[in-house]
Amino acid sequence: MSGLSPDFGRTDLAISHSPAVQKFYVEASCSDRGGDGDGNAIGPVKMDKLFELRRCELVEYNATIYDLIVDFELLLEMSKMLPKEGARRYQALYTANDMINSLVLSKFSLDAQVKCHLQAEKFFRQPNGKSQMTLYAIGNCHIDTAWLWRYRETPRKCARSWSATLRLMEKYKSMKFAVSQAQQLVWLKRLYPNLYEDMKDFAADERFVAVGGAWVEMDGNLPSGESMIRQLLYGQREFKKFCGVFSEIFWLPDTFGYSAQLPQIMQHCGMQYFVTQKMSWSIVNKFPHHSFRWIGIDGTYVIAHFPPNHYVSQITVKECLDSRDNFTDHGRSNIAMMLYGFGDGGGGPNKDMLERAERLADCDGVPRVQHATPQEFFTELVKDVDNLHSWKGELYLELHNATYTTQARIKKMNRLLEGVLKDHEFLQSISLLEFNEGKPLTSQWQSFLLNQFHDVLPGSCIKEVVTDAIEIFDNLLDELTVDGGKQLKWKGL
């Protein structure tokens, strides 16, 4: 089970490591990474869109040639991106040129291929000085629970992306991967139980780690305080089932702003750290920090980090240099996260990214790249906490402001059901106290919380997702209204 997407980087699939008769099922769709809308990502679907598959081949994999391709790509990038006044830029150019000469003159003999790879390896192993920044590489696969696709498609995206990730982790033993959103784990457990158990095995080794603690990566402005607490209550319970521990890291990389009450809620739910990247999208004022203490309305603080400045890195030289150069807290800290892997619609890390990470682990001229879990990163960052600046109050995103009003019916139903759920639990409490009867509203809360996802409640999604969300809300309102009425009538209240 795997996904290919020529416009999005995953273009090859390992068939087998041993000779065997295999049957492959192909599902093809005419879909763009940026949605199927006609001129607009969330616009009406263009039904007459066509694609042409022009090339599809079975090829024999040549490991030595592949290594040389990765070597040359990195050397070429370093020869262009490193400072002109530094010698390292020209060392990269000379090494690449010398390798090409050797290969051409030998007519690409195997001996020359091996020799050139060793030559490149020697270049990449020249270490940095002690002052060089370290980037903590964390495999990531941001999968929107719904956006340009409906809820029903998301479990398939998760399965394709995470199964491919596990195959990579089998080969690259130092690789670490972070997954968020309890709802997606629940879907996998129900629909792909074998894959779920494989994921748990890697989780037990602290390599496939669950972060975030929330049911979904929800909107950070519109839900009530009670809803935010329920997101973490039900999310943390599911995370405990998956990996045996509650998450200490609140993970909302793509949400459109963050309420000032969140640090207080996080601390009371056992979370000390916060990760987002979205604040870099503000269109007027640049947020002044990447690592800082975020202080809430009651004085509670958490340690926050914004990977500078993206969450779908491919571990290129340019991205490594940009992460270092964009980092705003030099002197106070010398580490940053690098979240790598194709995202939004899934995909995750691929072999190229892992190979680049190996070569750039400690390569003079480029920040160190070190595989880590989010928890390992924060364990290091907390050592710098006394040096960090503080930010008090809301984290306001200067973008996506129409999400406060668009698709008003979803927002109205969300607020209505927040009240209905509260009233229904009040009735349940009376029933339990007076009649020793009552049942938890776990499934109802989980259905409700699903629609608080950060592209659904704000309305930044396709029409079909809006239709699905309203149907979920309508069905939930009918269920709670009928059930609540029965309780009142039956109990004589």
Protein backbone atom coordinates (compact mmCIF):
# COMPACT_ATOMS: atom_id res chain seq x y z
CA MET A 1 0.00 0.00 0.00
CA SER A 2 1.63 3.20 -1.13
CA GLY A 3 0.90 6.39 -3.00
CA LEU A 4 2.62 7.90 -6.03
CA SER A 5 2.25 11.54 -7.03
CA PRO A 6 4.49 12.87 -9.83
CA ASP A 7 3.76 16.52 -9.01
CA PHE A 8 4.48 15.98 -5.32
CA GLY A 9 7.73 14.10 -5.04
CA ARG A 10 6.85 10.44 -4.43
CA THR A 11 7.50 8.93 -7.83
CA ASP A 12 8.92 5.48 -7.14
CA LEU A 13 7.84 2.35 -5.32
CA ALA A 14 10.01 -0.57 -4.22
CA ILE A 15 8.25 -3.70 -5.44
CA SER A 16 10.11 -6.52 -3.71
CA HIS A 17 13.45 -7.47 -2.21
CA SER A 18 13.16 -11.05 -3.43
CA PRO A 19 11.78 -12.73 -6.56
CA ALA A 20 8.10 -13.51 -6.19
CA VAL A 21 4.84 -13.40 -8.10
CA GLN A 22 2.93 -10.33 -6.95
CA LYS A 23 -0.40 -8.80 -7.87
CA PHE A 24 -0.78 -5.00 -7.78
CA TYR A 25 -4.03 -3.08 -7.66
CA VAL A 26 -3.88 0.41 -9.12
CA GLU A 27 -6.28 3.17 -8.15
CA ALA A 28 -5.82 6.31 -10.23
CA SER A 29 -7.41 9.74 -9.92
CA CYS A 30 -7.10 13.05 -11.73
CA SER A 31 -6.21 15.16 -8.72
CA ASP A 32 -3.82 18.03 -8.13
CA ARG A 33 -1.97 18.58 -4.88
CA GLY A 34 -3.63 22.00 -4.68
CA GLY A 35 -7.15 20.67 -5.01
CA ASP A 36 -9.50 19.96 -7.87
CA GLY A 37 -11.23 23.32 -7.98
CA ASP A 38 -11.43 25.30 -11.21
CA GLY A 39 -8.99 28.15 -10.58
CA ASN A 40 -9.42 28.02 -6.79
CA ALA A 41 -8.32 25.34 -4.35
CA ILE A 42 -11.67 25.19 -2.54
CA GLY A 43 -13.81 26.19 -5.52
CA PRO A 44 -16.22 23.92 -7.41
CA VAL A 45 -14.60 20.77 -8.77
CA LYS A 46 -13.65 20.84 -12.44
CA MET A 47 -15.24 17.58 -13.56
CA ASP A 48 -13.65 17.45 -17.03
CA LYS A 49 -10.07 17.56 -15.74
CA LEU A 50 -7.84 15.00 -17.48
CA PHE A 51 -4.30 13.73 -16.96
CA GLU A 52 -2.11 11.56 -19.15
CA LEU A 53 0.20 8.85 -17.80
CA ARG A 54 3.13 9.07 -20.20
CA ARG A 55 5.74 6.97 -18.48
CA CYS A 56 5.61 4.05 -16.09
CA GLU A 57 8.52 1.63 -15.93
CA LEU A 58 9.98 -1.28 -14.05
CA VAL A 59 13.63 -0.42 -13.41
CA GLU A 60 16.59 -2.07 -11.77
CA TYR A 61 17.81 -0.05 -8.84
CA ASN A 62 21.51 0.83 -8.90
CA ALA A 63 22.51 1.82 -5.37
CA THR A 64 25.89 3.27 -6.33
CA ILE A 65 24.48 5.50 -9.05
CA TYR A 66 21.72 6.63 -6.69
CA ASP A 67 24.31 7.58 -4.06
CA LEU A 68 26.21 9.59 -6.64
CA ILE A 69 23.05 11.44 -7.69
CA VAL A 70 22.39 12.48 -4.08
CA ASP A 71 26.06 13.46 -3.69
CA PHE A 72 26.06 15.62 -6.82
CA GLU A 73 22.78 17.33 -5.98
CA LEU A 74 24.05 18.38 -2.55
CA LEU A 75 27.46 19.46 -3.84
CA LEU A 76 25.85 21.51 -6.59
CA GLU A 77 23.49 23.18 -4.12
CA MET A 78 26.33 23.98 -1.72
CA SER A 79 28.39 25.45 -4.56
CA LYS A 80 25.52 27.86 -5.22
CA MET A 81 24.17 28.55 -1.71
CA LEU A 82 27.26 28.87 0.52
CA PRO A 83 28.82 32.35 0.92
CA LYS A 84 30.89 33.54 -2.03
CA GLU A 85 33.63 34.78 0.27
CA GLY A 86 34.06 31.38 1.93
CA ALA A 87 36.32 28.56 0.75
CA ARG A 88 33.76 25.84 1.41
CA ARG A 89 31.62 26.91 -1.57
CA TYR A 90 34.52 26.39 -3.93
CA GLN A 91 35.55 23.13 -2.29
CA ALA A 92 32.09 21.81 -3.10
CA LEU A 93 32.39 22.96 -6.71
CA TYR A 94 35.87 21.48 -7.11
CA THR A 95 34.81 18.14 -5.59
CA ALA A 96 31.83 17.84 -7.94
CA ASN A 97 33.91 18.81 -10.96
CA ASP A 98 36.66 16.34 -10.09
CA MET A 99 34.10 13.57 -9.65
CA ILE A 100 32.52 14.27 -13.05
CA ASN A 101 35.92 14.22 -14.75
CA SER A 102 36.76 10.87 -13.16
CA LEU A 103 33.45 9.32 -14.19
CA VAL A 104 33.56 10.58 -17.77
CA LEU A 105 37.19 9.61 -18.35
CA SER A 106 36.54 6.09 -16.98
CA LYS A 107 33.29 5.78 -18.95
CA PHE A 108 31.45 5.43 -15.64
CA SER A 109 33.30 2.33 -14.56
CA LEU A 110 32.22 0.74 -11.29
CA ASP A 111 35.62 1.47 -9.72
CA ALA A 112 35.25 5.15 -10.59
CA GLN A 113 31.71 5.24 -9.20
CA VAL A 114 32.86 3.84 -5.87
CA LYS A 115 35.89 6.13 -5.76
CA CYS A 116 33.78 9.23 -6.48
CA HIS A 117 31.25 8.36 -3.81
CA LEU A 118 34.08 7.98 -1.28
CA GLN A 119 35.42 11.33 -2.40
CA ALA A 120 32.05 12.96 -1.77
CA GLU A 121 31.75 11.16 1.55
CA LYS A 122 35.06 12.65 2.65
CA PHE A 123 33.78 16.11 1.78
CA PHE A 124 30.52 15.67 3.73
CA ARG A 125 32.38 14.32 6.77
CA GLN A 126 34.44 17.45 7.26
CA PRO A 127 32.89 18.62 10.56
CA ASN A 128 31.48 21.95 11.66
CA GLY A 129 32.87 24.16 14.37
CA LYS A 130 31.27 24.05 17.82
CA SER A 131 29.25 27.24 17.25
CA GLN A 132 27.26 25.85 14.31
CA MET A 133 23.50 25.57 14.83
CA THR A 134 21.83 22.15 15.20
CA LEU A 135 18.58 21.33 13.41
CA TYR A 136 16.58 18.55 15.04
CA ALA A 137 15.13 16.60 12.10
CA ILE A 138 11.69 15.21 12.89
CA GLY A 139 9.85 13.19 10.29
CA ASN A 140 6.38 14.60 9.83
CA CYS A 141 3.39 14.12 7.59
CA HIS A 142 0.84 16.85 8.16
CA ILE A 143 -2.49 15.37 7.08
CA ASP A 144 -5.47 17.70 7.21
CA THR A 145 -8.39 15.71 8.61
CA ALA A 146 -10.51 17.37 5.92
CA TRP A 147 -9.74 20.21 3.52
CA LEU A 148 -9.62 19.61 -0.24
CA TRP A 149 -10.98 16.12 0.42
CA ARG A 150 -13.73 14.71 2.60
CA TYR A 151 -13.38 12.98 5.95
CA ARG A 152 -13.81 9.58 4.35
CA GLU A 153 -10.63 9.99 2.29
CA THR A 154 -8.37 10.89 5.22
CA PRO A 155 -7.96 7.38 6.69
CA ARG A 156 -6.66 6.23 3.30
CA LYS A 157 -4.18 9.11 3.20
CA CYS A 158 -2.98 8.17 6.67
CA ALA A 159 -2.61 4.50 5.76
CA ARG A 160 -0.63 5.18 2.59
CA SER A 161 1.62 7.76 4.22
CA TRP A 162 2.31 5.95 7.48
CA SER A 163 2.86 2.53 5.91
CA ALA A 164 5.49 4.09 3.62
CA THR A 165 7.05 5.76 6.67
CA LEU A 166 7.34 2.46 8.53
CA ARG A 167 9.17 0.89 5.58
CA LEU A 168 11.68 3.76 5.68
CA MET A 169 12.14 3.39 9.42
CA GLU A 170 13.03 -0.25 8.97
CA LYS A 171 16.05 0.81 6.89
CA TYR A 172 17.02 4.12 8.52
CA LYS A 173 17.42 3.18 12.16
CA SER A 174 18.02 6.72 13.43
CA MET A 175 14.86 8.12 11.84
CA LYS A 176 12.18 9.52 14.18
CA PHE A 177 8.61 10.38 13.18
CA ALA A 178 5.85 12.40 14.85
CA VAL A 179 2.15 11.83 14.29
CA SER A 180 -0.69 13.92 15.70
CA GLN A 181 -4.52 13.83 15.90
CA ALA A 182 -6.16 11.07 17.90
CA GLN A 183 -9.07 10.81 15.45
CA GLN A 184 -6.71 9.63 12.73
CA LEU A 185 -5.28 6.96 15.04
CA VAL A 186 -8.81 5.75 15.82
CA TRP A 187 -9.61 5.48 12.12
CA LEU A 188 -6.43 3.48 11.50
CA LYS A 189 -7.15 1.15 14.42
CA ARG A 190 -10.61 0.36 13.02
CA LEU A 191 -9.86 0.20 9.29
CA TYR A 192 -6.21 -0.96 9.19
CA PRO A 193 -5.62 -2.90 12.45
CA ASN A 194 -2.42 -4.60 11.26
CA LEU A 195 -0.85 -1.30 10.28
CA TYR A 196 -1.95 0.20 13.61
CA GLU A 197 -0.20 -2.59 15.51
CA ASP A 198 2.97 -2.09 13.44
CA MET A 199 2.87 1.60 14.34
CA LYS A 200 2.52 0.72 18.02
CA ASP A 201 5.65 -1.45 17.79
CA PHE A 202 7.68 1.53 16.57
CA ALA A 203 5.98 3.73 19.19
CA ALA A 204 7.21 1.36 21.89
CA ASP A 205 10.77 2.09 20.68
CA GLU A 206 10.03 5.84 20.84
CA ARG A 207 10.60 6.27 17.14
CA PHE A 208 7.00 6.65 15.88
CA VAL A 209 5.76 9.11 18.49
CA ALA A 210 2.35 10.66 19.08
CA VAL A 211 2.28 14.38 19.83
CA GLY A 212 -0.38 17.04 20.14
CA GLY A 213 -2.71 15.52 22.68
CA ALA A 214 -5.85 16.74 20.86
CA TRP A 215 -8.66 14.85 19.16
CA VAL A 216 -7.92 16.86 16.00
CA GLU A 217 -5.71 19.84 15.23
CA MET A 218 -8.56 22.18 16.01
CA ASP A 219 -9.19 25.84 15.38
CA GLY A 220 -7.55 28.00 18.04
CA ASN A 221 -10.09 30.83 18.23
CA LEU A 222 -13.72 29.76 17.83
CA PRO A 223 -14.13 26.76 20.18
CA SER A 224 -15.12 27.51 23.76
CA GLY A 225 -12.75 26.83 26.62
CA GLU A 226 -14.73 23.71 27.48
CA SER A 227 -14.40 22.42 23.91
CA MET A 228 -10.64 22.97 23.96
CA ILE A 229 -10.40 21.03 27.21
CA ARG A 230 -12.48 18.20 25.73
CA GLN A 231 -10.19 18.13 22.68
CA LEU A 232 -7.30 17.37 25.02
CA LEU A 233 -9.28 15.08 27.33
CA TYR A 234 -10.35 12.68 24.58
CA GLY A 235 -7.15 13.12 22.59
CA GLN A 236 -4.86 12.34 25.51
CA ARG A 237 -6.84 9.24 26.38
CA GLU A 238 -6.34 7.88 22.88
CA PHE A 239 -2.66 8.76 22.86
CA LYS A 240 -2.22 6.84 26.11
CA LYS A 241 -3.76 3.77 24.44
CA PHE A 242 -1.43 4.13 21.46
CA CYS A 243 1.95 4.77 23.07
CA GLY A 244 1.42 4.34 26.80
CA VAL A 245 1.97 7.98 27.80
CA PHE A 246 0.20 11.32 27.58
CA SER A 247 1.71 13.87 25.23
CA GLU A 248 3.52 16.81 26.81
CA ILE A 249 3.57 18.72 23.51
CA PHE A 250 0.62 20.66 22.09
CA TRP A 251 0.99 20.46 18.31
CA LEU A 252 -0.94 22.88 16.08
CA PRO A 253 1.35 23.68 13.12
CA ASP A 254 -1.34 24.94 10.74
CA THR A 255 -4.06 26.58 12.84
CA PHE A 256 -5.12 30.19 12.14
CA GLY A 257 -4.19 31.87 15.43
CA TYR A 258 -4.15 30.89 19.09
CA SER A 259 -6.29 32.02 22.01
CA ALA A 260 -4.62 33.49 25.11
CA GLN A 261 -6.36 30.88 27.30
CA LEU A 262 -4.44 27.98 25.73
CA PRO A 263 -1.30 28.02 27.97
CA GLN A 264 -3.50 27.65 31.06
CA ILE A 265 -5.50 24.81 29.49
CA MET A 266 -2.34 23.10 28.27
CA GLN A 267 -0.70 23.11 31.69
CA HIS A 268 -3.80 21.69 33.37
CA CYS A 269 -3.85 18.90 30.76
CA GLY A 270 -0.24 17.93 31.43
CA MET A 271 1.32 19.76 28.46
CA GLN A 272 4.38 21.97 28.88
CA TYR A 273 5.40 22.64 25.28
CA PHE A 274 3.79 24.17 22.20
CA VAL A 275 4.66 23.87 18.50
CA THR A 276 3.27 25.79 15.57
CA GLN A 277 4.61 27.23 12.36
CA LYS A 278 1.63 29.25 11.18
CA MET A 279 2.67 32.57 12.71
CA SER A 280 5.32 32.94 10.01
CA TRP A 281 2.43 33.45 7.56
CA SER A 282 1.44 36.86 8.97
CA ILE A 283 1.39 39.37 6.14
CA VAL A 284 2.33 42.60 7.97
CA ASN A 285 4.16 42.13 11.27
CA LYS A 286 6.80 39.45 11.54
CA PHE A 287 6.51 37.55 14.81
CA PRO A 288 9.72 38.33 16.73
CA HIS A 289 10.61 34.90 18.14
CA HIS A 290 11.01 31.23 17.27
CA SER A 291 11.74 29.93 20.78
CA PHE A 292 10.08 31.74 23.69
CA ARG A 293 7.90 31.48 26.78
CA TRP A 294 4.22 31.90 25.94
CA ILE A 295 2.31 33.37 28.89
CA GLY A 296 -1.45 32.94 29.16
CA ILE A 297 -4.13 35.12 30.73
CA ASP A 298 -3.52 33.79 34.27
CA GLY A 299 0.28 34.02 34.15
CA THR A 300 0.79 30.35 33.27
CA TYR A 301 3.49 29.82 30.68
CA VAL A 302 4.60 27.07 28.32
CA ILE A 303 7.74 26.80 26.24
CA ALA A 304 6.88 27.49 22.60
CA HIS A 305 8.83 26.81 19.44
CA PHE A 306 8.14 27.76 15.84
CA PRO A 307 10.26 25.76 13.34
CA PRO A 308 11.84 28.41 11.09
CA ASN A 309 9.86 28.67 8.89
CA HIS A 310 8.03 25.65 7.46
CA TYR A 311 6.74 22.20 8.37
CA VAL A 312 7.19 20.38 5.04
CA SER A 313 10.97 20.54 4.66
CA GLN A 314 12.82 18.22 2.31
CA ILE A 315 16.20 18.69 4.07
CA THR A 316 17.82 20.59 1.23
CA VAL A 317 20.89 22.77 1.74
CA LYS A 318 18.80 25.87 1.08
CA GLU A 319 16.24 24.87 3.72
CA CYS A 320 18.96 24.19 6.28
CA LEU A 321 20.58 27.56 5.64
CA ASP A 322 17.20 29.33 5.67
CA SER A 323 16.32 27.72 9.01
CA ARG A 324 19.56 29.05 10.48
CA ASP A 325 19.36 32.49 8.89
CA ASN A 326 15.65 33.03 9.68
CA PHE A 327 16.01 31.97 13.31
CA THR A 328 15.36 35.03 15.47
CA ASP A 329 16.76 33.86 18.82
CA HIS A 330 20.47 33.42 18.10
CA GLY A 331 22.55 33.83 21.22
CA ARG A 332 19.67 32.74 23.42
CA SER A 333 19.45 29.29 21.84
CA ASN A 334 21.28 27.45 19.09
CA ILE A 335 18.78 24.73 18.15
CA ALA A 336 15.63 24.56 16.05
CA MET A 337 13.22 21.95 14.76
CA MET A 338 13.23 20.89 11.14
CA LEU A 339 9.96 19.12 10.30
CA TYR A 340 10.55 17.20 7.09
CA GLY A 341 8.25 15.21 4.86
CA PHE A 342 5.55 16.00 2.32
CA GLY A 343 2.43 17.25 4.03
CA ASP A 344 -1.06 18.79 3.93
CA GLY A 345 -2.35 15.93 1.80
CA GLY A 346 -0.03 13.34 3.26
CA GLY A 347 3.05 11.69 1.79
CA GLY A 348 5.59 12.08 4.57
CA PRO A 349 9.36 11.56 4.31
CA ASN A 350 11.02 9.78 1.42
CA LYS A 351 14.38 8.11 0.78
CA ASP A 352 15.96 11.24 -0.74
CA MET A 353 15.33 13.24 2.42
CA LEU A 354 16.86 10.56 4.64
CA GLU A 355 19.94 10.30 2.43
CA ARG A 356 20.45 14.05 2.52
CA ALA A 357 20.09 14.02 6.31
CA GLU A 358 22.85 11.41 6.59
CA ARG A 359 25.25 13.50 4.52
CA LEU A 360 24.42 16.73 6.35
CA ALA A 361 24.64 15.27 9.85
CA ASP A 362 27.80 17.32 10.52
CA CYS A 363 28.98 18.89 7.27
CA ASP A 364 31.10 22.02 7.48
CA GLY A 365 29.21 25.09 6.26
CA VAL A 366 25.69 23.78 6.87
CA PRO A 367 23.80 23.48 10.20
CA ARG A 368 24.06 20.05 11.79
CA VAL A 369 21.10 17.78 11.09
CA GLN A 370 20.29 15.45 13.97
CA HIS A 371 17.38 12.98 14.06
CA ALA A 372 15.22 13.45 17.15
CA THR A 373 11.75 13.23 18.58
CA PRO A 374 9.90 16.42 19.58
CA GLN A 375 10.38 15.47 23.22
CA GLU A 376 14.15 15.15 22.74
CA PHE A 377 14.20 18.59 21.16
CA PHE A 378 12.36 20.20 24.06
CA THR A 379 14.56 18.41 26.57
CA GLU A 380 17.44 20.39 25.06
CA LEU A 381 15.50 23.64 24.62
CA VAL A 382 14.39 23.73 28.25
CA LYS A 383 18.07 24.14 29.19
CA ASP A 384 17.87 27.59 27.56
CA VAL A 385 14.58 28.63 29.17
CA ASP A 386 16.11 31.35 31.35
CA ASN A 387 17.54 33.00 28.22
CA LEU A 388 14.29 33.08 26.27
CA HIS A 389 12.00 36.06 25.70
CA SER A 390 8.36 35.98 26.83
CA TRP A 391 5.18 36.72 24.88
CA LYS A 392 1.98 37.36 26.80
CA GLY A 393 -1.50 36.91 25.41
CA GLU A 394 -3.02 35.89 22.10
CA LEU A 395 -0.95 34.74 19.15
CA TYR A 396 -2.80 36.64 16.44
CA LEU A 397 -2.34 35.53 12.83
CA GLU A 398 -2.49 38.33 10.28
CA LEU A 399 -3.98 36.12 7.59
CA HIS A 400 -7.06 34.00 6.87
CA ASN A 401 -9.25 36.56 8.65
CA ALA A 402 -12.36 35.66 6.65
CA THR A 403 -12.38 32.35 8.52
CA TYR A 404 -14.02 34.21 11.44
CA THR A 405 -17.26 34.59 9.45
CA THR A 406 -17.36 32.33 6.38
CA GLN A 407 -19.64 29.24 6.37
CA ALA A 408 -21.66 30.77 9.19
CA ARG A 409 -23.97 27.77 9.58
CA ILE A 410 -21.08 25.56 10.73
CA LYS A 411 -20.12 28.18 13.31
CA LYS A 412 -23.72 28.60 14.49
CA MET A 413 -24.20 24.84 14.87
CA ASN A 414 -20.90 24.56 16.73
CA ARG A 415 -21.95 27.15 19.30
CA LEU A 416 -25.46 25.67 19.60
CA LEU A 417 -24.15 22.17 20.23
CA GLU A 418 -21.65 23.39 22.80
CA GLY A 419 -24.68 24.45 24.83
CA VAL A 420 -26.73 21.35 24.06
CA LEU A 421 -23.91 19.03 25.15
CA LYS A 422 -23.54 20.98 28.40
CA ASP A 423 -27.29 20.75 29.07
CA HIS A 424 -27.34 17.05 28.22
CA GLU A 425 -24.50 16.33 30.63
CA PHE A 426 -26.38 18.28 33.29
CA LEU A 427 -29.34 15.93 32.78
CA GLN A 428 -27.03 12.94 32.90
CA SER A 429 -25.60 14.17 36.20
CA ILE A 430 -29.08 14.49 37.72
CA SER A 431 -29.96 11.03 36.43
CA LEU A 432 -26.84 9.59 38.01
CA LEU A 433 -27.36 11.31 41.35
CA GLU A 434 -31.11 10.72 41.65
CA PHE A 435 -31.57 7.41 39.88
CA ASN A 436 -28.05 5.94 39.77
CA GLU A 437 -28.31 5.80 36.00
CA GLY A 438 -26.46 7.64 33.28
CA LYS A 439 -24.16 7.16 30.35
CA PRO A 440 -21.13 9.14 29.15
CA LEU A 441 -21.40 11.16 25.96
CA THR A 442 -18.01 10.04 24.66
CA SER A 443 -19.03 9.22 21.08
CA GLN A 444 -21.18 12.36 20.85
CA TRP A 445 -18.35 14.58 22.02
CA GLN A 446 -15.92 12.93 19.62
CA SER A 447 -18.26 13.47 16.64
CA PHE A 448 -18.67 17.09 17.70
CA LEU A 449 -14.95 17.70 18.18
CA LEU A 450 -14.17 16.32 14.72
CA ASN A 451 -15.89 19.32 13.15
CA GLN A 452 -13.66 21.73 15.06
CA PHE A 453 -10.75 20.79 12.79
CA HIS A 454 -8.92 23.92 11.66
CA ASP A 455 -10.13 23.79 8.05
CA VAL A 456 -13.71 22.77 8.87
CA LEU A 457 -14.97 25.05 11.63
CA PRO A 458 -13.25 28.07 10.00
CA GLY A 459 -14.83 27.13 6.65
CA SER A 460 -11.60 26.98 4.63
CA CYS A 461 -12.54 23.74 2.88
CA ILE A 462 -14.42 22.47 -0.17
CA LYS A 463 -18.22 22.47 -0.36
CA GLU A 464 -18.44 18.71 0.11
CA VAL A 465 -16.69 18.94 3.48
CA VAL A 466 -19.10 21.67 4.59
CA THR A 467 -22.02 19.42 3.63
CA ASP A 468 -20.55 16.51 5.60
CA ALA A 469 -19.90 18.69 8.65
CA ILE A 470 -23.43 20.10 8.72
CA GLU A 471 -24.85 16.59 8.38
CA ILE A 472 -22.77 15.45 11.39
CA PHE A 473 -23.98 18.43 13.42
CA ASP A 474 -27.63 17.95 12.37
CA ASN A 475 -27.61 14.25 13.24
CA LEU A 476 -25.93 14.94 16.58
CA LEU A 477 -28.45 17.66 17.45
CA ASP A 478 -31.36 15.33 16.59
CA GLU A 479 -29.88 12.53 18.71
CA LEU A 480 -29.26 14.74 21.74
CA THR A 481 -32.63 16.47 21.47
CA VAL A 482 -34.58 13.22 21.27
CA ASP A 483 -32.54 11.54 24.00
CA GLY A 484 -32.76 14.57 26.28
CA GLY A 485 -36.52 14.77 25.81
CA LYS A 486 -36.90 11.09 26.68
CA GLN A 487 -34.90 11.58 29.86
CA LEU A 488 -37.02 14.53 30.96
CA LYS A 489 -40.27 12.68 30.26
CA TRP A 490 -39.14 9.34 31.73
CA LYS A 491 -37.68 10.80 34.90
CA GLY A 492 -40.54 13.21 35.39
CA LEU A 493 -38.24 16.23 35.46
